[in-house]
Amino acid sequence: MWIRSRKWLLALVVGALLPVTIGGEAAASAAPVCDPGGTGQRSAADPAAVKIKVWLAGDSTMADPRTSCPVGWGNQFGPLFTGDVTVVNNAVAGRSVQTWLYESNVQSTMDSGGECVVSPKTYAQRWTSMLDPVTGMKAGDYLFIQFGINDGSRTCPRHVGPARYQELLGVMVKAAKDRGVRPVLLTPVAAITCSGATAVGNRGFLTETMAAGRAAQVPVIDLHKLSYTLYNSLKFCPNDGDYTRGPVGAFFCADHTHFEAAGARQIAGVVAKAVRDQKIPLASYLR
């Protein structure tokens, strides 16, 4: 009798320790999964914890500095994000979209259609590296593209016509999307041009950038308009053409186009605000 009682008690204890099964599968625990160490850290499955890169392609107004001035706004973009984002700045001074893509393969002669001859049609190393499946852009990354300042040159190799400009933006956007990368186009940042007491626009390729964005269904940040709107809020106009003194001198180099570090920082902030305002998913990584 005592032995039977012990066997019954042992079976009862073992049964209590085993998980309840439903249809042969262990039933899920009602208790939520929690952080046992109480660290409050994000789980690996949390999208906001994923490390991503923001790749930049553009000209000197975006590029990292080689001297104290100019400083491109891309150089000041990284600190605006959490540690989960790395900004890779591949903008290069003096480039149009075509010379950025093809570099020395763009010839100084034009074809019958008025476009610079590209021969051979092989990409520059910077773009080839970004397309590399191991070391380049990955799914979930972003690609910010800003050209349109040097592209208006009348002479080769920098010259790019409107149709060709839009075509090459499309080439870059498609390559990014094919890799699961999210492209963002930007109209060219404005220089400071005053009409009396008002800062006004002064760049081309605005409609082409917008059209390329619509065609590819990708976001377009109108940095051209946002930048001269910023200049008006800072009361940069009227200006007598001296860009070395006062608020204008603190913002721009000794020209009306390129930025001191403080100016680049403010332009980077304008871009970041546009990312948030336009609800681009990258906004979740902003500080």
Protein backbone atom coordinates (compact mmCIF):
# COMPACT_ATOMS: atom_id res chain seq x y z
CA MET A 1 0.00 0.00 0.00
CA TRP A 2 2.81 2.41 0.91
CA ILE A 3 4.71 1.51 -2.27
CA ARG A 4 1.62 2.20 -4.41
CA SER A 5 1.19 5.59 -2.72
CA ARG A 6 4.80 6.55 -3.50
CA LYS A 7 4.37 5.55 -7.16
CA TRP A 8 1.18 7.64 -7.40
CA LEU A 9 2.88 10.65 -5.81
CA LEU A 10 5.91 10.36 -8.14
CA ALA A 11 3.65 10.26 -11.23
CA LEU A 12 1.81 13.33 -9.99
CA VAL A 13 5.03 15.32 -9.56
CA VAL A 14 6.44 14.31 -12.97
CA GLY A 15 3.17 15.18 -14.66
CA ALA A 16 3.24 18.63 -13.13
CA LEU A 17 6.73 19.26 -14.51
CA LEU A 18 5.92 18.24 -18.08
CA PRO A 19 4.45 20.87 -20.47
CA VAL A 20 0.81 20.53 -21.33
CA THR A 21 0.44 19.33 -24.93
CA ILE A 22 -2.20 20.24 -27.44
CA GLY A 23 -2.49 18.05 -30.49
CA GLY A 24 0.91 16.51 -29.73
CA GLU A 25 2.72 19.90 -29.52
CA ALA A 26 3.81 21.66 -26.36
CA ALA A 27 1.43 24.51 -25.50
CA ALA A 28 2.96 27.98 -25.62
CA SER A 29 3.57 29.54 -22.27
CA ALA A 30 1.18 32.32 -21.35
CA ALA A 31 4.02 34.25 -19.77
CA PRO A 32 5.67 36.84 -22.09
CA VAL A 33 9.27 36.37 -23.17
CA CYS A 34 11.34 38.83 -21.19
CA ASP A 35 14.92 39.93 -20.77
CA PRO A 36 16.13 37.64 -17.94
CA GLY A 37 19.03 39.93 -17.13
CA GLY A 38 16.85 43.01 -16.97
CA THR A 39 19.10 44.84 -19.43
CA GLY A 40 16.29 46.32 -21.51
CA GLN A 41 18.28 45.68 -24.70
CA ARG A 42 16.51 45.23 -28.03
CA SER A 43 16.19 41.69 -29.31
CA ALA A 44 17.93 40.72 -32.53
CA ALA A 45 14.49 40.42 -34.15
CA ASP A 46 13.73 44.08 -33.48
CA PRO A 47 14.08 45.93 -36.84
CA ALA A 48 15.27 49.04 -35.04
CA ALA A 49 18.28 47.09 -33.72
CA VAL A 50 19.53 46.12 -37.19
CA LYS A 51 22.78 47.73 -38.29
CA ILE A 52 22.45 49.51 -41.63
CA LYS A 53 24.52 51.75 -43.87
CA VAL A 54 23.51 54.98 -45.55
CA TRP A 55 25.53 55.36 -48.75
CA LEU A 56 26.01 58.83 -50.25
CA ALA A 57 26.69 59.63 -53.91
CA GLY A 58 27.10 63.24 -54.97
CA ASP A 59 29.40 66.23 -55.48
CA SER A 60 31.45 68.61 -53.31
CA THR A 61 28.42 70.01 -51.47
CA MET A 62 27.94 66.49 -50.04
CA ALA A 63 31.55 65.23 -49.92
CA ASP A 64 33.94 64.79 -47.01
CA PRO A 65 36.43 67.68 -46.73
CA ARG A 66 40.01 67.60 -47.94
CA THR A 67 40.68 70.95 -46.26
CA SER A 68 38.91 72.92 -43.55
CA CYS A 69 36.61 74.35 -46.21
CA PRO A 70 34.59 73.22 -48.04
CA VAL A 71 32.80 70.67 -45.91
CA GLY A 72 29.96 68.73 -47.55
CA TRP A 73 26.76 68.16 -45.61
CA GLY A 74 27.26 64.39 -45.92
CA ASN A 75 30.24 64.73 -43.60
CA GLN A 76 27.92 66.00 -40.88
CA PHE A 77 25.11 63.51 -41.49
CA GLY A 78 26.32 60.54 -39.43
CA PRO A 79 26.10 62.14 -35.95
CA LEU A 80 22.38 62.71 -36.46
CA PHE A 81 21.73 58.96 -36.27
CA THR A 82 21.95 56.33 -33.57
CA GLY A 83 24.88 53.95 -33.41
CA ASP A 84 22.94 51.48 -35.56
CA VAL A 85 23.68 53.58 -38.67
CA THR A 86 26.96 54.01 -40.51
CA VAL A 87 27.17 56.72 -43.17
CA VAL A 88 29.46 55.84 -46.09
CA ASN A 89 30.22 59.05 -47.97
CA ASN A 90 31.26 58.38 -51.57
CA ALA A 91 30.48 61.88 -52.84
CA VAL A 92 33.35 63.39 -54.85
CA ALA A 93 34.00 67.06 -55.59
CA GLY A 94 33.54 68.29 -59.13
CA ARG A 95 31.53 65.36 -60.42
CA SER A 96 28.39 65.24 -62.47
CA VAL A 97 26.32 62.08 -62.24
CA GLN A 98 28.08 60.79 -65.38
CA THR A 99 31.64 61.50 -64.30
CA TRP A 100 30.84 60.08 -60.85
CA LEU A 101 29.66 56.85 -62.46
CA TYR A 102 32.21 56.52 -65.25
CA GLU A 103 35.09 58.81 -64.15
CA SER A 104 37.92 58.91 -66.73
CA ASN A 105 35.93 56.94 -69.28
CA VAL A 106 33.91 60.07 -70.08
CA GLN A 107 35.61 61.69 -73.05
CA SER A 108 36.03 65.40 -73.79
CA THR A 109 34.10 65.04 -77.06
CA MET A 110 30.37 64.98 -77.71
CA ASP A 111 28.44 62.56 -79.87
CA SER A 112 25.89 63.58 -82.49
CA GLY A 113 23.21 63.77 -79.82
CA GLY A 114 25.12 66.34 -77.79
CA GLU A 115 26.15 63.96 -75.01
CA CYS A 116 29.70 63.27 -73.90
CA VAL A 117 31.14 60.08 -75.33
CA VAL A 118 31.61 57.34 -72.71
CA SER A 119 34.18 54.74 -73.77
CA PRO A 120 34.57 52.14 -72.48
CA LYS A 121 31.23 51.99 -70.68
CA THR A 122 32.64 50.51 -67.51
CA TYR A 123 31.91 51.93 -64.08
CA ALA A 124 34.36 53.77 -61.87
CA GLN A 125 35.74 51.80 -58.94
CA ARG A 126 33.60 53.69 -56.40
CA TRP A 127 30.36 52.45 -57.95
CA THR A 128 31.74 48.97 -58.65
CA SER A 129 32.69 48.69 -54.97
CA MET A 130 29.23 49.78 -53.87
CA LEU A 131 27.70 47.11 -56.11
CA ASP A 132 29.95 44.38 -54.72
CA PRO A 133 27.73 41.67 -53.16
CA VAL A 134 30.13 41.10 -50.26
CA THR A 135 31.49 44.52 -49.33
CA GLY A 136 28.97 46.84 -50.97
CA MET A 137 25.36 47.83 -50.45
CA LYS A 138 23.12 45.31 -48.71
CA ALA A 139 19.37 44.83 -48.42
CA GLY A 140 17.99 47.31 -45.88
CA ASP A 141 20.65 49.94 -46.58
CA TYR A 142 19.88 53.37 -48.07
CA LEU A 143 21.40 55.22 -51.02
CA PHE A 144 21.14 59.03 -51.08
CA ILE A 145 21.88 60.52 -54.52
CA GLN A 146 22.43 64.26 -55.09
CA PHE A 147 23.73 65.66 -58.36
CA GLY A 148 22.77 68.53 -60.67
CA ILE A 149 25.35 71.21 -59.82
CA ASN A 150 28.20 70.25 -62.17
CA ASP A 151 25.97 68.49 -64.69
CA GLY A 152 24.96 71.78 -66.30
CA SER A 153 28.44 72.37 -67.68
CA ARG A 154 28.38 73.10 -71.41
CA THR A 155 31.56 71.15 -72.04
CA CYS A 156 32.60 67.56 -71.59
CA PRO A 157 33.39 65.59 -69.58
CA ARG A 158 31.01 67.02 -66.95
CA HIS A 159 28.17 67.96 -69.30
CA VAL A 160 24.99 65.90 -68.96
CA GLY A 161 21.79 66.64 -70.87
CA PRO A 162 18.40 66.53 -69.11
CA ALA A 163 17.30 63.19 -70.56
CA ARG A 164 20.67 61.58 -69.93
CA TYR A 165 20.71 62.93 -66.37
CA GLN A 166 17.34 61.38 -65.62
CA GLU A 167 18.42 58.13 -67.27
CA LEU A 168 21.55 57.83 -65.13
CA LEU A 169 19.65 58.53 -61.92
CA GLY A 170 17.36 55.71 -62.99
CA VAL A 171 20.34 53.40 -63.52
CA MET A 172 21.57 54.04 -59.99
CA VAL A 173 18.13 53.70 -58.45
CA LYS A 174 17.46 50.39 -60.22
CA ALA A 175 20.81 48.94 -59.18
CA ALA A 176 20.04 49.84 -55.58
CA LYS A 177 16.50 48.48 -55.63
CA ASP A 178 17.67 45.24 -57.24
CA ARG A 179 19.78 44.70 -54.11
CA GLY A 180 17.03 45.56 -51.64
CA VAL A 181 18.57 48.98 -50.99
CA ARG A 182 16.23 51.96 -50.52
CA PRO A 183 17.17 54.92 -52.78
CA VAL A 184 16.44 58.54 -51.93
CA LEU A 185 16.95 61.27 -54.54
CA LEU A 186 17.77 64.87 -53.63
CA THR A 187 17.57 67.98 -55.75
CA PRO A 188 20.86 69.94 -55.72
CA VAL A 189 21.48 72.11 -52.68
CA ALA A 190 21.20 75.83 -53.44
CA ALA A 191 24.01 78.35 -53.42
CA ILE A 192 23.26 81.72 -51.84
CA THR A 193 21.79 84.08 -54.43
CA CYS A 194 19.92 87.16 -53.27
CA SER A 195 17.15 88.99 -55.03
CA GLY A 196 16.98 92.02 -52.79
CA ALA A 197 16.23 90.75 -49.32
CA THR A 198 15.20 87.27 -50.51
CA ALA A 199 17.33 84.17 -51.14
CA VAL A 200 16.19 82.54 -54.37
CA GLY A 201 16.75 79.30 -56.23
CA ASN A 202 19.66 78.96 -58.61
CA ARG A 203 20.05 75.33 -59.64
CA GLY A 204 18.96 73.23 -62.59
CA PHE A 205 17.90 69.59 -62.98
CA LEU A 206 15.06 70.03 -60.50
CA THR A 207 12.25 68.71 -62.70
CA GLU A 208 14.47 65.87 -63.94
CA THR A 209 15.24 64.76 -60.38
CA MET A 210 11.56 64.87 -59.48
CA ALA A 211 10.65 62.97 -62.64
CA ALA A 212 13.23 60.28 -61.93
CA GLY A 213 11.78 59.84 -58.46
CA ARG A 214 8.23 59.52 -59.78
CA ALA A 215 9.29 57.07 -62.48
CA ALA A 216 11.03 54.81 -59.96
CA GLN A 217 8.54 55.48 -57.14
CA VAL A 218 11.23 56.51 -54.68
CA PRO A 219 11.32 59.47 -52.28
CA VAL A 220 12.69 62.81 -53.47
CA ILE A 221 13.90 65.39 -50.96
CA ASP A 222 13.70 68.86 -52.48
CA LEU A 223 16.93 70.04 -50.89
CA HIS A 224 17.14 72.92 -53.32
CA LYS A 225 13.98 74.54 -51.97
CA LEU A 226 14.68 73.53 -48.38
CA SER A 227 18.17 75.07 -48.48
CA TYR A 228 17.21 78.50 -49.82
CA THR A 229 14.26 78.50 -47.43
CA LEU A 230 16.83 77.99 -44.64
CA TYR A 231 18.90 80.89 -45.99
CA ASN A 232 15.85 83.13 -45.79
CA SER A 233 15.15 82.06 -42.21
CA LEU A 234 18.76 82.97 -41.36
CA LYS A 235 18.41 86.40 -43.03
CA PHE A 236 21.35 85.94 -45.42
CA CYS A 237 19.94 88.51 -47.81
CA PRO A 238 20.51 91.18 -48.88
CA ASN A 239 24.21 90.55 -49.47
CA ASP A 240 26.75 92.77 -51.18
CA GLY A 241 28.70 89.82 -52.60
CA ASP A 242 31.07 89.51 -49.65
CA TYR A 243 30.77 85.93 -48.39
CA THR A 244 33.57 86.20 -45.84
CA ARG A 245 31.87 88.17 -43.06
CA GLY A 246 28.96 87.84 -40.68
CA PRO A 247 26.41 84.99 -40.66
CA VAL A 248 27.01 84.28 -44.35
CA GLY A 249 30.76 84.01 -43.78
CA ALA A 250 30.22 81.58 -40.90
CA PHE A 251 27.99 79.41 -43.10
CA PHE A 252 29.75 79.50 -46.48
CA CYS A 253 33.37 79.33 -47.58
CA ALA A 254 34.70 82.40 -49.39
CA ASP A 255 32.25 81.73 -52.20
CA HIS A 256 28.50 81.47 -52.48
CA THR A 257 28.36 77.68 -52.93
CA HIS A 258 30.42 75.60 -50.49
CA PHE A 259 29.96 75.21 -46.76
CA GLU A 260 31.96 75.79 -43.65
CA ALA A 261 31.50 72.95 -41.12
CA ALA A 262 28.77 74.95 -39.35
CA GLY A 263 26.87 75.44 -42.59
CA ALA A 264 27.25 71.79 -43.57
CA ARG A 265 25.88 70.81 -40.17
CA GLN A 266 22.76 72.90 -40.71
CA ILE A 267 22.18 71.49 -44.21
CA ALA A 268 22.57 67.96 -42.82
CA GLY A 269 19.93 68.85 -40.25
CA VAL A 270 17.60 70.03 -43.01
CA VAL A 271 18.02 66.68 -44.79
CA ALA A 272 17.38 64.77 -41.56
CA LYS A 273 14.23 66.79 -40.89
CA ALA A 274 13.00 66.03 -44.40
CA VAL A 275 13.59 62.31 -43.77
CA ARG A 276 11.40 62.59 -40.69
CA ASP A 277 8.76 64.86 -42.26
CA GLN A 278 8.44 62.64 -45.35
CA LYS A 279 8.15 59.56 -43.12
CA ILE A 280 11.03 57.79 -44.80
CA PRO A 281 11.58 54.67 -42.64
CA LEU A 282 15.19 55.71 -42.00
CA ALA A 283 13.70 58.29 -39.62
CA SER A 284 13.40 55.62 -36.93
CA TYR A 285 17.20 55.72 -36.61
CA LEU A 286 17.45 59.48 -36.09
CA ARG A 287 18.46 60.70 -32.65
